Amino acid sequence: ALQPVVQAGLAEGFGLELIVDDQDF
């Protein structure tokens, strides 16, 4: 899902950080 965002270059200029936790938390 996030691949098009990255491919479009919109991630330049910020660090996208994915933090993992249970969906209830």
PDBML (XML) file of the C-alpha atoms, coordinates in Angstrom:
<?xml version="1.0" encoding="UTF-8" ?>
<PDBx:datablock datablockName="MODEL"
   xmlns:PDBx="http://pdbml.pdb.org/schema/pdbx-v50.xsd"
   xmlns:xsi="http://www.w3.org/2001/XMLSchema-instance"
   xsi:schemaLocation="http://pdbml.pdb.org/schema/pdbx-v50.xsd pdbx-v50.xsd">
   <PDBx:atom_siteCategory>
      <PDBx:atom_site id="1">
         <PDBx:B_iso_or_equiv>0.00</PDBx:B_iso_or_equiv>
         <PDBx:Cartn_x>0.000</PDBx:Cartn_x>
         <PDBx:Cartn_y>0.000</PDBx:Cartn_y>
         <PDBx:Cartn_z>0.000</PDBx:Cartn_z>
         <PDBx:auth_asym_id>A</PDBx:auth_asym_id>
         <PDBx:auth_atom_id>CA</PDBx:auth_atom_id>
         <PDBx:auth_comp_id>ALA</PDBx:auth_comp_id>
         <PDBx:auth_seq_id>1</PDBx:auth_seq_id>
         <PDBx:group_PDB>ATOM</PDBx:group_PDB>
         <PDBx:label_alt_id xsi:nil="true" />
         <PDBx:label_asym_id>A</PDBx:label_asym_id>
         <PDBx:label_atom_id>CA</PDBx:label_atom_id>
         <PDBx:label_comp_id>ALA</PDBx:label_comp_id>
         <PDBx:label_entity_id>1</PDBx:label_entity_id>
         <PDBx:label_seq_id>1</PDBx:label_seq_id>
         <PDBx:occupancy>1.00</PDBx:occupancy>
         <PDBx:pdbx_PDB_model_num>1</PDBx:pdbx_PDB_model_num>
         <PDBx:type_symbol>C</PDBx:type_symbol>
      </PDBx:atom_site>
      <PDBx:atom_site id="2">
         <PDBx:B_iso_or_equiv>0.00</PDBx:B_iso_or_equiv>
         <PDBx:Cartn_x>2.838</PDBx:Cartn_x>
         <PDBx:Cartn_y>2.408</PDBx:Cartn_y>
         <PDBx:Cartn_z>0.827</PDBx:Cartn_z>
         <PDBx:auth_asym_id>A</PDBx:auth_asym_id>
         <PDBx:auth_atom_id>CA</PDBx:auth_atom_id>
         <PDBx:auth_comp_id>LEU</PDBx:auth_comp_id>
         <PDBx:auth_seq_id>2</PDBx:auth_seq_id>
         <PDBx:group_PDB>ATOM</PDBx:group_PDB>
         <PDBx:label_alt_id xsi:nil="true" />
         <PDBx:label_asym_id>A</PDBx:label_asym_id>
         <PDBx:label_atom_id>CA</PDBx:label_atom_id>
         <PDBx:label_comp_id>LEU</PDBx:label_comp_id>
         <PDBx:label_entity_id>1</PDBx:label_entity_id>
         <PDBx:label_seq_id>2</PDBx:label_seq_id>
         <PDBx:occupancy>1.00</PDBx:occupancy>
         <PDBx:pdbx_PDB_model_num>1</PDBx:pdbx_PDB_model_num>
         <PDBx:type_symbol>C</PDBx:type_symbol>
      </PDBx:atom_site>
      <PDBx:atom_site id="3">
         <PDBx:B_iso_or_equiv>0.00</PDBx:B_iso_or_equiv>
         <PDBx:Cartn_x>4.897</PDBx:Cartn_x>
         <PDBx:Cartn_y>1.491</PDBx:Cartn_y>
         <PDBx:Cartn_z>-2.246</PDBx:Cartn_z>
         <PDBx:auth_asym_id>A</PDBx:auth_asym_id>
         <PDBx:auth_atom_id>CA</PDBx:auth_atom_id>
         <PDBx:auth_comp_id>GLN</PDBx:auth_comp_id>
         <PDBx:auth_seq_id>3</PDBx:auth_seq_id>
         <PDBx:group_PDB>ATOM</PDBx:group_PDB>
         <PDBx:label_alt_id xsi:nil="true" />
         <PDBx:label_asym_id>A</PDBx:label_asym_id>
         <PDBx:label_atom_id>CA</PDBx:label_atom_id>
         <PDBx:label_comp_id>GLN</PDBx:label_comp_id>
         <PDBx:label_entity_id>1</PDBx:label_entity_id>
         <PDBx:label_seq_id>3</PDBx:label_seq_id>
         <PDBx:occupancy>1.00</PDBx:occupancy>
         <PDBx:pdbx_PDB_model_num>1</PDBx:pdbx_PDB_model_num>
         <PDBx:type_symbol>C</PDBx:type_symbol>
      </PDBx:atom_site>
      <PDBx:atom_site id="4">
         <PDBx:B_iso_or_equiv>0.00</PDBx:B_iso_or_equiv>
         <PDBx:Cartn_x>3.277</PDBx:Cartn_x>
         <PDBx:Cartn_y>4.119</PDBx:Cartn_y>
         <PDBx:Cartn_z>-4.529</PDBx:Cartn_z>
         <PDBx:auth_asym_id>A</PDBx:auth_asym_id>
         <PDBx:auth_atom_id>CA</PDBx:auth_atom_id>
         <PDBx:auth_comp_id>PRO</PDBx:auth_comp_id>
         <PDBx:auth_seq_id>4</PDBx:auth_seq_id>
         <PDBx:group_PDB>ATOM</PDBx:group_PDB>
         <PDBx:label_alt_id xsi:nil="true" />
         <PDBx:label_asym_id>A</PDBx:label_asym_id>
         <PDBx:label_atom_id>CA</PDBx:label_atom_id>
         <PDBx:label_comp_id>PRO</PDBx:label_comp_id>
         <PDBx:label_entity_id>1</PDBx:label_entity_id>
         <PDBx:label_seq_id>4</PDBx:label_seq_id>
         <PDBx:occupancy>1.00</PDBx:occupancy>
         <PDBx:pdbx_PDB_model_num>1</PDBx:pdbx_PDB_model_num>
         <PDBx:type_symbol>C</PDBx:type_symbol>
      </PDBx:atom_site>
      <PDBx:atom_site id="5">
         <PDBx:B_iso_or_equiv>0.00</PDBx:B_iso_or_equiv>
         <PDBx:Cartn_x>4.005</PDBx:Cartn_x>
         <PDBx:Cartn_y>6.820</PDBx:Cartn_y>
         <PDBx:Cartn_z>-1.956</PDBx:Cartn_z>
         <PDBx:auth_asym_id>A</PDBx:auth_asym_id>
         <PDBx:auth_atom_id>CA</PDBx:auth_atom_id>
         <PDBx:auth_comp_id>VAL</PDBx:auth_comp_id>
         <PDBx:auth_seq_id>5</PDBx:auth_seq_id>
         <PDBx:group_PDB>ATOM</PDBx:group_PDB>
         <PDBx:label_alt_id xsi:nil="true" />
         <PDBx:label_asym_id>A</PDBx:label_asym_id>
         <PDBx:label_atom_id>CA</PDBx:label_atom_id>
         <PDBx:label_comp_id>VAL</PDBx:label_comp_id>
         <PDBx:label_entity_id>1</PDBx:label_entity_id>
         <PDBx:label_seq_id>5</PDBx:label_seq_id>
         <PDBx:occupancy>1.00</PDBx:occupancy>
         <PDBx:pdbx_PDB_model_num>1</PDBx:pdbx_PDB_model_num>
         <PDBx:type_symbol>C</PDBx:type_symbol>
      </PDBx:atom_site>
      <PDBx:atom_site id="6">
         <PDBx:B_iso_or_equiv>0.00</PDBx:B_iso_or_equiv>
         <PDBx:Cartn_x>7.664</PDBx:Cartn_x>
         <PDBx:Cartn_y>5.849</PDBx:Cartn_y>
         <PDBx:Cartn_z>-1.829</PDBx:Cartn_z>
         <PDBx:auth_asym_id>A</PDBx:auth_asym_id>
         <PDBx:auth_atom_id>CA</PDBx:auth_atom_id>
         <PDBx:auth_comp_id>VAL</PDBx:auth_comp_id>
         <PDBx:auth_seq_id>6</PDBx:auth_seq_id>
         <PDBx:group_PDB>ATOM</PDBx:group_PDB>
         <PDBx:label_alt_id xsi:nil="true" />
         <PDBx:label_asym_id>A</PDBx:label_asym_id>
         <PDBx:label_atom_id>CA</PDBx:label_atom_id>
         <PDBx:label_comp_id>VAL</PDBx:label_comp_id>
         <PDBx:label_entity_id>1</PDBx:label_entity_id>
         <PDBx:label_seq_id>6</PDBx:label_seq_id>
         <PDBx:occupancy>1.00</PDBx:occupancy>
         <PDBx:pdbx_PDB_model_num>1</PDBx:pdbx_PDB_model_num>
         <PDBx:type_symbol>C</PDBx:type_symbol>
      </PDBx:atom_site>
      <PDBx:atom_site id="7">
         <PDBx:B_iso_or_equiv>0.00</PDBx:B_iso_or_equiv>
         <PDBx:Cartn_x>7.927</PDBx:Cartn_x>
         <PDBx:Cartn_y>5.441</PDBx:Cartn_y>
         <PDBx:Cartn_z>-5.605</PDBx:Cartn_z>
         <PDBx:auth_asym_id>A</PDBx:auth_asym_id>
         <PDBx:auth_atom_id>CA</PDBx:auth_atom_id>
         <PDBx:auth_comp_id>GLN</PDBx:auth_comp_id>
         <PDBx:auth_seq_id>7</PDBx:auth_seq_id>
         <PDBx:group_PDB>ATOM</PDBx:group_PDB>
         <PDBx:label_alt_id xsi:nil="true" />
         <PDBx:label_asym_id>A</PDBx:label_asym_id>
         <PDBx:label_atom_id>CA</PDBx:label_atom_id>
         <PDBx:label_comp_id>GLN</PDBx:label_comp_id>
         <PDBx:label_entity_id>1</PDBx:label_entity_id>
         <PDBx:label_seq_id>7</PDBx:label_seq_id>
         <PDBx:occupancy>1.00</PDBx:occupancy>
         <PDBx:pdbx_PDB_model_num>1</PDBx:pdbx_PDB_model_num>
         <PDBx:type_symbol>C</PDBx:type_symbol>
      </PDBx:atom_site>
      <PDBx:atom_site id="8">
         <PDBx:B_iso_or_equiv>0.00</PDBx:B_iso_or_equiv>
         <PDBx:Cartn_x>6.409</PDBx:Cartn_x>
         <PDBx:Cartn_y>8.873</PDBx:Cartn_y>
         <PDBx:Cartn_z>-6.179</PDBx:Cartn_z>
         <PDBx:auth_asym_id>A</PDBx:auth_asym_id>
         <PDBx:auth_atom_id>CA</PDBx:auth_atom_id>
         <PDBx:auth_comp_id>ALA</PDBx:auth_comp_id>
         <PDBx:auth_seq_id>8</PDBx:auth_seq_id>
         <PDBx:group_PDB>ATOM</PDBx:group_PDB>
         <PDBx:label_alt_id xsi:nil="true" />
         <PDBx:label_asym_id>A</PDBx:label_asym_id>
         <PDBx:label_atom_id>CA</PDBx:label_atom_id>
         <PDBx:label_comp_id>ALA</PDBx:label_comp_id>
         <PDBx:label_entity_id>1</PDBx:label_entity_id>
         <PDBx:label_seq_id>8</PDBx:label_seq_id>
         <PDBx:occupancy>1.00</PDBx:occupancy>
         <PDBx:pdbx_PDB_model_num>1</PDBx:pdbx_PDB_model_num>
         <PDBx:type_symbol>C</PDBx:type_symbol>
      </PDBx:atom_site>
      <PDBx:atom_site id="9">
         <PDBx:B_iso_or_equiv>0.00</PDBx:B_iso_or_equiv>
         <PDBx:Cartn_x>9.197</PDBx:Cartn_x>
         <PDBx:Cartn_y>10.405</PDBx:Cartn_y>
         <PDBx:Cartn_z>-4.157</PDBx:Cartn_z>
         <PDBx:auth_asym_id>A</PDBx:auth_asym_id>
         <PDBx:auth_atom_id>CA</PDBx:auth_atom_id>
         <PDBx:auth_comp_id>GLY</PDBx:auth_comp_id>
         <PDBx:auth_seq_id>9</PDBx:auth_seq_id>
         <PDBx:group_PDB>ATOM</PDBx:group_PDB>
         <PDBx:label_alt_id xsi:nil="true" />
         <PDBx:label_asym_id>A</PDBx:label_asym_id>
         <PDBx:label_atom_id>CA</PDBx:label_atom_id>
         <PDBx:label_comp_id>GLY</PDBx:label_comp_id>
         <PDBx:label_entity_id>1</PDBx:label_entity_id>
         <PDBx:label_seq_id>9</PDBx:label_seq_id>
         <PDBx:occupancy>1.00</PDBx:occupancy>
         <PDBx:pdbx_PDB_model_num>1</PDBx:pdbx_PDB_model_num>
         <PDBx:type_symbol>C</PDBx:type_symbol>
      </PDBx:atom_site>
      <PDBx:atom_site id="10">
         <PDBx:B_iso_or_equiv>0.00</PDBx:B_iso_or_equiv>
         <PDBx:Cartn_x>6.866</PDBx:Cartn_x>
         <PDBx:Cartn_y>11.793</PDBx:Cartn_y>
         <PDBx:Cartn_z>-1.498</PDBx:Cartn_z>
         <PDBx:auth_asym_id>A</PDBx:auth_asym_id>
         <PDBx:auth_atom_id>CA</PDBx:auth_atom_id>
         <PDBx:auth_comp_id>LEU</PDBx:auth_comp_id>
         <PDBx:auth_seq_id>10</PDBx:auth_seq_id>
         <PDBx:group_PDB>ATOM</PDBx:group_PDB>
         <PDBx:label_alt_id xsi:nil="true" />
         <PDBx:label_asym_id>A</PDBx:label_asym_id>
         <PDBx:label_atom_id>CA</PDBx:label_atom_id>
         <PDBx:label_comp_id>LEU</PDBx:label_comp_id>
         <PDBx:label_entity_id>1</PDBx:label_entity_id>
         <PDBx:label_seq_id>10</PDBx:label_seq_id>
         <PDBx:occupancy>1.00</PDBx:occupancy>
         <PDBx:pdbx_PDB_model_num>1</PDBx:pdbx_PDB_model_num>
         <PDBx:type_symbol>C</PDBx:type_symbol>
      </PDBx:atom_site>
      <PDBx:atom_site id="11">
         <PDBx:B_iso_or_equiv>0.00</PDBx:B_iso_or_equiv>
         <PDBx:Cartn_x>8.980</PDBx:Cartn_x>
         <PDBx:Cartn_y>10.205</PDBx:Cartn_y>
         <PDBx:Cartn_z>1.202</PDBx:Cartn_z>
         <PDBx:auth_asym_id>A</PDBx:auth_asym_id>
         <PDBx:auth_atom_id>CA</PDBx:auth_atom_id>
         <PDBx:auth_comp_id>ALA</PDBx:auth_comp_id>
         <PDBx:auth_seq_id>11</PDBx:auth_seq_id>
         <PDBx:group_PDB>ATOM</PDBx:group_PDB>
         <PDBx:label_alt_id xsi:nil="true" />
         <PDBx:label_asym_id>A</PDBx:label_asym_id>
         <PDBx:label_atom_id>CA</PDBx:label_atom_id>
         <PDBx:label_comp_id>ALA</PDBx:label_comp_id>
         <PDBx:label_entity_id>1</PDBx:label_entity_id>
         <PDBx:label_seq_id>11</PDBx:label_seq_id>
         <PDBx:occupancy>1.00</PDBx:occupancy>
         <PDBx:pdbx_PDB_model_num>1</PDBx:pdbx_PDB_model_num>
         <PDBx:type_symbol>C</PDBx:type_symbol>
      </PDBx:atom_site>
      <PDBx:atom_site id="12">
         <PDBx:B_iso_or_equiv>0.00</PDBx:B_iso_or_equiv>
         <PDBx:Cartn_x>11.907</PDBx:Cartn_x>
         <PDBx:Cartn_y>12.515</PDBx:Cartn_y>
         <PDBx:Cartn_z>0.398</PDBx:Cartn_z>
         <PDBx:auth_asym_id>A</PDBx:auth_asym_id>
         <PDBx:auth_atom_id>CA</PDBx:auth_atom_id>
         <PDBx:auth_comp_id>GLU</PDBx:auth_comp_id>
         <PDBx:auth_seq_id>12</PDBx:auth_seq_id>
         <PDBx:group_PDB>ATOM</PDBx:group_PDB>
         <PDBx:label_alt_id xsi:nil="true" />
         <PDBx:label_asym_id>A</PDBx:label_asym_id>
         <PDBx:label_atom_id>CA</PDBx:label_atom_id>
         <PDBx:label_comp_id>GLU</PDBx:label_comp_id>
         <PDBx:label_entity_id>1</PDBx:label_entity_id>
         <PDBx:label_seq_id>12</PDBx:label_seq_id>
         <PDBx:occupancy>1.00</PDBx:occupancy>
         <PDBx:pdbx_PDB_model_num>1</PDBx:pdbx_PDB_model_num>
         <PDBx:type_symbol>C</PDBx:type_symbol>
      </PDBx:atom_site>
      <PDBx:atom_site id="13">
         <PDBx:B_iso_or_equiv>0.00</PDBx:B_iso_or_equiv>
         <PDBx:Cartn_x>12.532</PDBx:Cartn_x>
         <PDBx:Cartn_y>15.026</PDBx:Cartn_y>
         <PDBx:Cartn_z>3.127</PDBx:Cartn_z>
         <PDBx:auth_asym_id>A</PDBx:auth_asym_id>
         <PDBx:auth_atom_id>CA</PDBx:auth_atom_id>
         <PDBx:auth_comp_id>GLY</PDBx:auth_comp_id>
         <PDBx:auth_seq_id>13</PDBx:auth_seq_id>
         <PDBx:group_PDB>ATOM</PDBx:group_PDB>
         <PDBx:label_alt_id xsi:nil="true" />
         <PDBx:label_asym_id>A</PDBx:label_asym_id>
         <PDBx:label_atom_id>CA</PDBx:label_atom_id>
         <PDBx:label_comp_id>GLY</PDBx:label_comp_id>
         <PDBx:label_entity_id>1</PDBx:label_entity_id>
         <PDBx:label_seq_id>13</PDBx:label_seq_id>
         <PDBx:occupancy>1.00</PDBx:occupancy>
         <PDBx:pdbx_PDB_model_num>1</PDBx:pdbx_PDB_model_num>
         <PDBx:type_symbol>C</PDBx:type_symbol>
      </PDBx:atom_site>
      <PDBx:atom_site id="14">
         <PDBx:B_iso_or_equiv>0.00</PDBx:B_iso_or_equiv>
         <PDBx:Cartn_x>11.185</PDBx:Cartn_x>
         <PDBx:Cartn_y>12.952</PDBx:Cartn_y>
         <PDBx:Cartn_z>6.010</PDBx:Cartn_z>
         <PDBx:auth_asym_id>A</PDBx:auth_asym_id>
         <PDBx:auth_atom_id>CA</PDBx:auth_atom_id>
         <PDBx:auth_comp_id>PHE</PDBx:auth_comp_id>
         <PDBx:auth_seq_id>14</PDBx:auth_seq_id>
         <PDBx:group_PDB>ATOM</PDBx:group_PDB>
         <PDBx:label_alt_id xsi:nil="true" />
         <PDBx:label_asym_id>A</PDBx:label_asym_id>
         <PDBx:label_atom_id>CA</PDBx:label_atom_id>
         <PDBx:label_comp_id>PHE</PDBx:label_comp_id>
         <PDBx:label_entity_id>1</PDBx:label_entity_id>
         <PDBx:label_seq_id>14</PDBx:label_seq_id>
         <PDBx:occupancy>1.00</PDBx:occupancy>
         <PDBx:pdbx_PDB_model_num>1</PDBx:pdbx_PDB_model_num>
         <PDBx:type_symbol>C</PDBx:type_symbol>
      </PDBx:atom_site>
      <PDBx:atom_site id="15">
         <PDBx:B_iso_or_equiv>0.00</PDBx:B_iso_or_equiv>
         <PDBx:Cartn_x>11.927</PDBx:Cartn_x>
         <PDBx:Cartn_y>9.663</PDBx:Cartn_y>
         <PDBx:Cartn_z>7.679</PDBx:Cartn_z>
         <PDBx:auth_asym_id>A</PDBx:auth_asym_id>
         <PDBx:auth_atom_id>CA</PDBx:auth_atom_id>
         <PDBx:auth_comp_id>GLY</PDBx:auth_comp_id>
         <PDBx:auth_seq_id>15</PDBx:auth_seq_id>
         <PDBx:group_PDB>ATOM</PDBx:group_PDB>
         <PDBx:label_alt_id xsi:nil="true" />
         <PDBx:label_asym_id>A</PDBx:label_asym_id>
         <PDBx:label_atom_id>CA</PDBx:label_atom_id>
         <PDBx:label_comp_id>GLY</PDBx:label_comp_id>
         <PDBx:label_entity_id>1</PDBx:label_entity_id>
         <PDBx:label_seq_id>15</PDBx:label_seq_id>
         <PDBx:occupancy>1.00</PDBx:occupancy>
         <PDBx:pdbx_PDB_model_num>1</PDBx:pdbx_PDB_model_num>
         <PDBx:type_symbol>C</PDBx:type_symbol>
      </PDBx:atom_site>
      <PDBx:atom_site id="16">
         <PDBx:B_iso_or_equiv>0.00</PDBx:B_iso_or_equiv>
         <PDBx:Cartn_x>8.954</PDBx:Cartn_x>
         <PDBx:Cartn_y>7.310</PDBx:Cartn_y>
         <PDBx:Cartn_z>7.608</PDBx:Cartn_z>
         <PDBx:auth_asym_id>A</PDBx:auth_asym_id>
         <PDBx:auth_atom_id>CA</PDBx:auth_atom_id>
         <PDBx:auth_comp_id>LEU</PDBx:auth_comp_id>
         <PDBx:auth_seq_id>16</PDBx:auth_seq_id>
         <PDBx:group_PDB>ATOM</PDBx:group_PDB>
         <PDBx:label_alt_id xsi:nil="true" />
         <PDBx:label_asym_id>A</PDBx:label_asym_id>
         <PDBx:label_atom_id>CA</PDBx:label_atom_id>
         <PDBx:label_comp_id>LEU</PDBx:label_comp_id>
         <PDBx:label_entity_id>1</PDBx:label_entity_id>
         <PDBx:label_seq_id>16</PDBx:label_seq_id>
         <PDBx:occupancy>1.00</PDBx:occupancy>
         <PDBx:pdbx_PDB_model_num>1</PDBx:pdbx_PDB_model_num>
         <PDBx:type_symbol>C</PDBx:type_symbol>
      </PDBx:atom_site>
      <PDBx:atom_site id="17">
         <PDBx:B_iso_or_equiv>0.00</PDBx:B_iso_or_equiv>
         <PDBx:Cartn_x>9.132</PDBx:Cartn_x>
         <PDBx:Cartn_y>5.082</PDBx:Cartn_y>
         <PDBx:Cartn_z>10.669</PDBx:Cartn_z>
         <PDBx:auth_asym_id>A</PDBx:auth_asym_id>
         <PDBx:auth_atom_id>CA</PDBx:auth_atom_id>
         <PDBx:auth_comp_id>GLU</PDBx:auth_comp_id>
         <PDBx:auth_seq_id>17</PDBx:auth_seq_id>
         <PDBx:group_PDB>ATOM</PDBx:group_PDB>
         <PDBx:label_alt_id xsi:nil="true" />
         <PDBx:label_asym_id>A</PDBx:label_asym_id>
         <PDBx:label_atom_id>CA</PDBx:label_atom_id>
         <PDBx:label_comp_id>GLU</PDBx:label_comp_id>
         <PDBx:label_entity_id>1</PDBx:label_entity_id>
         <PDBx:label_seq_id>17</PDBx:label_seq_id>
         <PDBx:occupancy>1.00</PDBx:occupancy>
         <PDBx:pdbx_PDB_model_num>1</PDBx:pdbx_PDB_model_num>
         <PDBx:type_symbol>C</PDBx:type_symbol>
      </PDBx:atom_site>
      <PDBx:atom_site id="18">
         <PDBx:B_iso_or_equiv>0.00</PDBx:B_iso_or_equiv>
         <PDBx:Cartn_x>6.871</PDBx:Cartn_x>
         <PDBx:Cartn_y>2.058</PDBx:Cartn_y>
         <PDBx:Cartn_z>11.048</PDBx:Cartn_z>
         <PDBx:auth_asym_id>A</PDBx:auth_asym_id>
         <PDBx:auth_atom_id>CA</PDBx:auth_atom_id>
         <PDBx:auth_comp_id>LEU</PDBx:auth_comp_id>
         <PDBx:auth_seq_id>18</PDBx:auth_seq_id>
         <PDBx:group_PDB>ATOM</PDBx:group_PDB>
         <PDBx:label_alt_id xsi:nil="true" />
         <PDBx:label_asym_id>A</PDBx:label_asym_id>
         <PDBx:label_atom_id>CA</PDBx:label_atom_id>
         <PDBx:label_comp_id>LEU</PDBx:label_comp_id>
         <PDBx:label_entity_id>1</PDBx:label_entity_id>
         <PDBx:label_seq_id>18</PDBx:label_seq_id>
         <PDBx:occupancy>1.00</PDBx:occupancy>
         <PDBx:pdbx_PDB_model_num>1</PDBx:pdbx_PDB_model_num>
         <PDBx:type_symbol>C</PDBx:type_symbol>
      </PDBx:atom_site>
      <PDBx:atom_site id="19">
         <PDBx:B_iso_or_equiv>0.00</PDBx:B_iso_or_equiv>
         <PDBx:Cartn_x>6.296</PDBx:Cartn_x>
         <PDBx:Cartn_y>1.132</PDBx:Cartn_y>
         <PDBx:Cartn_z>14.682</PDBx:Cartn_z>
         <PDBx:auth_asym_id>A</PDBx:auth_asym_id>
         <PDBx:auth_atom_id>CA</PDBx:auth_atom_id>
         <PDBx:auth_comp_id>ILE</PDBx:auth_comp_id>
         <PDBx:auth_seq_id>19</PDBx:auth_seq_id>
         <PDBx:group_PDB>ATOM</PDBx:group_PDB>
         <PDBx:label_alt_id xsi:nil="true" />
         <PDBx:label_asym_id>A</PDBx:label_asym_id>
         <PDBx:label_atom_id>CA</PDBx:label_atom_id>
         <PDBx:label_comp_id>ILE</PDBx:label_comp_id>
         <PDBx:label_entity_id>1</PDBx:label_entity_id>
         <PDBx:label_seq_id>19</PDBx:label_seq_id>
         <PDBx:occupancy>1.00</PDBx:occupancy>
         <PDBx:pdbx_PDB_model_num>1</PDBx:pdbx_PDB_model_num>
         <PDBx:type_symbol>C</PDBx:type_symbol>
      </PDBx:atom_site>
      <PDBx:atom_site id="20">
         <PDBx:B_iso_or_equiv>0.00</PDBx:B_iso_or_equiv>
         <PDBx:Cartn_x>4.812</PDBx:Cartn_x>
         <PDBx:Cartn_y>-2.317</PDBx:Cartn_y>
         <PDBx:Cartn_z>15.295</PDBx:Cartn_z>
         <PDBx:auth_asym_id>A</PDBx:auth_asym_id>
         <PDBx:auth_atom_id>CA</PDBx:auth_atom_id>
         <PDBx:auth_comp_id>VAL</PDBx:auth_comp_id>
         <PDBx:auth_seq_id>20</PDBx:auth_seq_id>
         <PDBx:group_PDB>ATOM</PDBx:group_PDB>
         <PDBx:label_alt_id xsi:nil="true" />
         <PDBx:label_asym_id>A</PDBx:label_asym_id>
         <PDBx:label_atom_id>CA</PDBx:label_atom_id>
         <PDBx:label_comp_id>VAL</PDBx:label_comp_id>
         <PDBx:label_entity_id>1</PDBx:label_entity_id>
         <PDBx:label_seq_id>20</PDBx:label_seq_id>
         <PDBx:occupancy>1.00</PDBx:occupancy>
         <PDBx:pdbx_PDB_model_num>1</PDBx:pdbx_PDB_model_num>
         <PDBx:type_symbol>C</PDBx:type_symbol>
      </PDBx:atom_site>
      <PDBx:atom_site id="21">
         <PDBx:B_iso_or_equiv>0.00</PDBx:B_iso_or_equiv>
         <PDBx:Cartn_x>2.314</PDBx:Cartn_x>
         <PDBx:Cartn_y>-3.163</PDBx:Cartn_y>
         <PDBx:Cartn_z>18.019</PDBx:Cartn_z>
         <PDBx:auth_asym_id>A</PDBx:auth_asym_id>
         <PDBx:auth_atom_id>CA</PDBx:auth_atom_id>
         <PDBx:auth_comp_id>ASP</PDBx:auth_comp_id>
         <PDBx:auth_seq_id>21</PDBx:auth_seq_id>
         <PDBx:group_PDB>ATOM</PDBx:group_PDB>
         <PDBx:label_alt_id xsi:nil="true" />
         <PDBx:label_asym_id>A</PDBx:label_asym_id>
         <PDBx:label_atom_id>CA</PDBx:label_atom_id>
         <PDBx:label_comp_id>ASP</PDBx:label_comp_id>
         <PDBx:label_entity_id>1</PDBx:label_entity_id>
         <PDBx:label_seq_id>21</PDBx:label_seq_id>
         <PDBx:occupancy>1.00</PDBx:occupancy>
         <PDBx:pdbx_PDB_model_num>1</PDBx:pdbx_PDB_model_num>
         <PDBx:type_symbol>C</PDBx:type_symbol>
      </PDBx:atom_site>
      <PDBx:atom_site id="22">
         <PDBx:B_iso_or_equiv>0.00</PDBx:B_iso_or_equiv>
         <PDBx:Cartn_x>-0.867</PDBx:Cartn_x>
         <PDBx:Cartn_y>-5.170</PDBx:Cartn_y>
         <PDBx:Cartn_z>18.438</PDBx:Cartn_z>
         <PDBx:auth_asym_id>A</PDBx:auth_asym_id>
         <PDBx:auth_atom_id>CA</PDBx:auth_atom_id>
         <PDBx:auth_comp_id>ASP</PDBx:auth_comp_id>
         <PDBx:auth_seq_id>22</PDBx:auth_seq_id>
         <PDBx:group_PDB>ATOM</PDBx:group_PDB>
         <PDBx:label_alt_id xsi:nil="true" />
         <PDBx:label_asym_id>A</PDBx:label_asym_id>
         <PDBx:label_atom_id>CA</PDBx:label_atom_id>
         <PDBx:label_comp_id>ASP</PDBx:label_comp_id>
         <PDBx:label_entity_id>1</PDBx:label_entity_id>
         <PDBx:label_seq_id>22</PDBx:label_seq_id>
         <PDBx:occupancy>1.00</PDBx:occupancy>
         <PDBx:pdbx_PDB_model_num>1</PDBx:pdbx_PDB_model_num>
         <PDBx:type_symbol>C</PDBx:type_symbol>
      </PDBx:atom_site>
      <PDBx:atom_site id="23">
         <PDBx:B_iso_or_equiv>0.00</PDBx:B_iso_or_equiv>
         <PDBx:Cartn_x>-3.818</PDBx:Cartn_x>
         <PDBx:Cartn_y>-3.601</PDBx:Cartn_y>
         <PDBx:Cartn_z>16.614</PDBx:Cartn_z>
         <PDBx:auth_asym_id>A</PDBx:auth_asym_id>
         <PDBx:auth_atom_id>CA</PDBx:auth_atom_id>
         <PDBx:auth_comp_id>GLN</PDBx:auth_comp_id>
         <PDBx:auth_seq_id>23</PDBx:auth_seq_id>
         <PDBx:group_PDB>ATOM</PDBx:group_PDB>
         <PDBx:label_alt_id xsi:nil="true" />
         <PDBx:label_asym_id>A</PDBx:label_asym_id>
         <PDBx:label_atom_id>CA</PDBx:label_atom_id>
         <PDBx:label_comp_id>GLN</PDBx:label_comp_id>
         <PDBx:label_entity_id>1</PDBx:label_entity_id>
         <PDBx:label_seq_id>23</PDBx:label_seq_id>
         <PDBx:occupancy>1.00</PDBx:occupancy>
         <PDBx:pdbx_PDB_model_num>1</PDBx:pdbx_PDB_model_num>
         <PDBx:type_symbol>C</PDBx:type_symbol>
      </PDBx:atom_site>
      <PDBx:atom_site id="24">
         <PDBx:B_iso_or_equiv>0.00</PDBx:B_iso_or_equiv>
         <PDBx:Cartn_x>-5.631</PDBx:Cartn_x>
         <PDBx:Cartn_y>-3.177</PDBx:Cartn_y>
         <PDBx:Cartn_z>19.938</PDBx:Cartn_z>
         <PDBx:auth_asym_id>A</PDBx:auth_asym_id>
         <PDBx:auth_atom_id>CA</PDBx:auth_atom_id>
         <PDBx:auth_comp_id>ASP</PDBx:auth_comp_id>
         <PDBx:auth_seq_id>24</PDBx:auth_seq_id>
         <PDBx:group_PDB>ATOM</PDBx:group_PDB>
         <PDBx:label_alt_id xsi:nil="true" />
         <PDBx:label_asym_id>A</PDBx:label_asym_id>
         <PDBx:label_atom_id>CA</PDBx:label_atom_id>
         <PDBx:label_comp_id>ASP</PDBx:label_comp_id>
         <PDBx:label_entity_id>1</PDBx:label_entity_id>
         <PDBx:label_seq_id>24</PDBx:label_seq_id>
         <PDBx:occupancy>1.00</PDBx:occupancy>
         <PDBx:pdbx_PDB_model_num>1</PDBx:pdbx_PDB_model_num>
         <PDBx:type_symbol>C</PDBx:type_symbol>
      </PDBx:atom_site>
      <PDBx:atom_site id="25">
         <PDBx:B_iso_or_equiv>0.00</PDBx:B_iso_or_equiv>
         <PDBx:Cartn_x>-2.743</PDBx:Cartn_x>
         <PDBx:Cartn_y>-1.123</PDBx:Cartn_y>
         <PDBx:Cartn_z>21.364</PDBx:Cartn_z>
         <PDBx:auth_asym_id>A</PDBx:auth_asym_id>
         <PDBx:auth_atom_id>CA</PDBx:auth_atom_id>
         <PDBx:auth_comp_id>PHE</PDBx:auth_comp_id>
         <PDBx:auth_seq_id>25</PDBx:auth_seq_id>
         <PDBx:group_PDB>ATOM</PDBx:group_PDB>
         <PDBx:label_alt_id xsi:nil="true" />
         <PDBx:label_asym_id>A</PDBx:label_asym_id>
         <PDBx:label_atom_id>CA</PDBx:label_atom_id>
         <PDBx:label_comp_id>PHE</PDBx:label_comp_id>
         <PDBx:label_entity_id>1</PDBx:label_entity_id>
         <PDBx:label_seq_id>25</PDBx:label_seq_id>
         <PDBx:occupancy>1.00</PDBx:occupancy>
         <PDBx:pdbx_PDB_model_num>1</PDBx:pdbx_PDB_model_num>
         <PDBx:type_symbol>C</PDBx:type_symbol>
      </PDBx:atom_site>
   </PDBx:atom_siteCategory>
</PDBx:datablock>
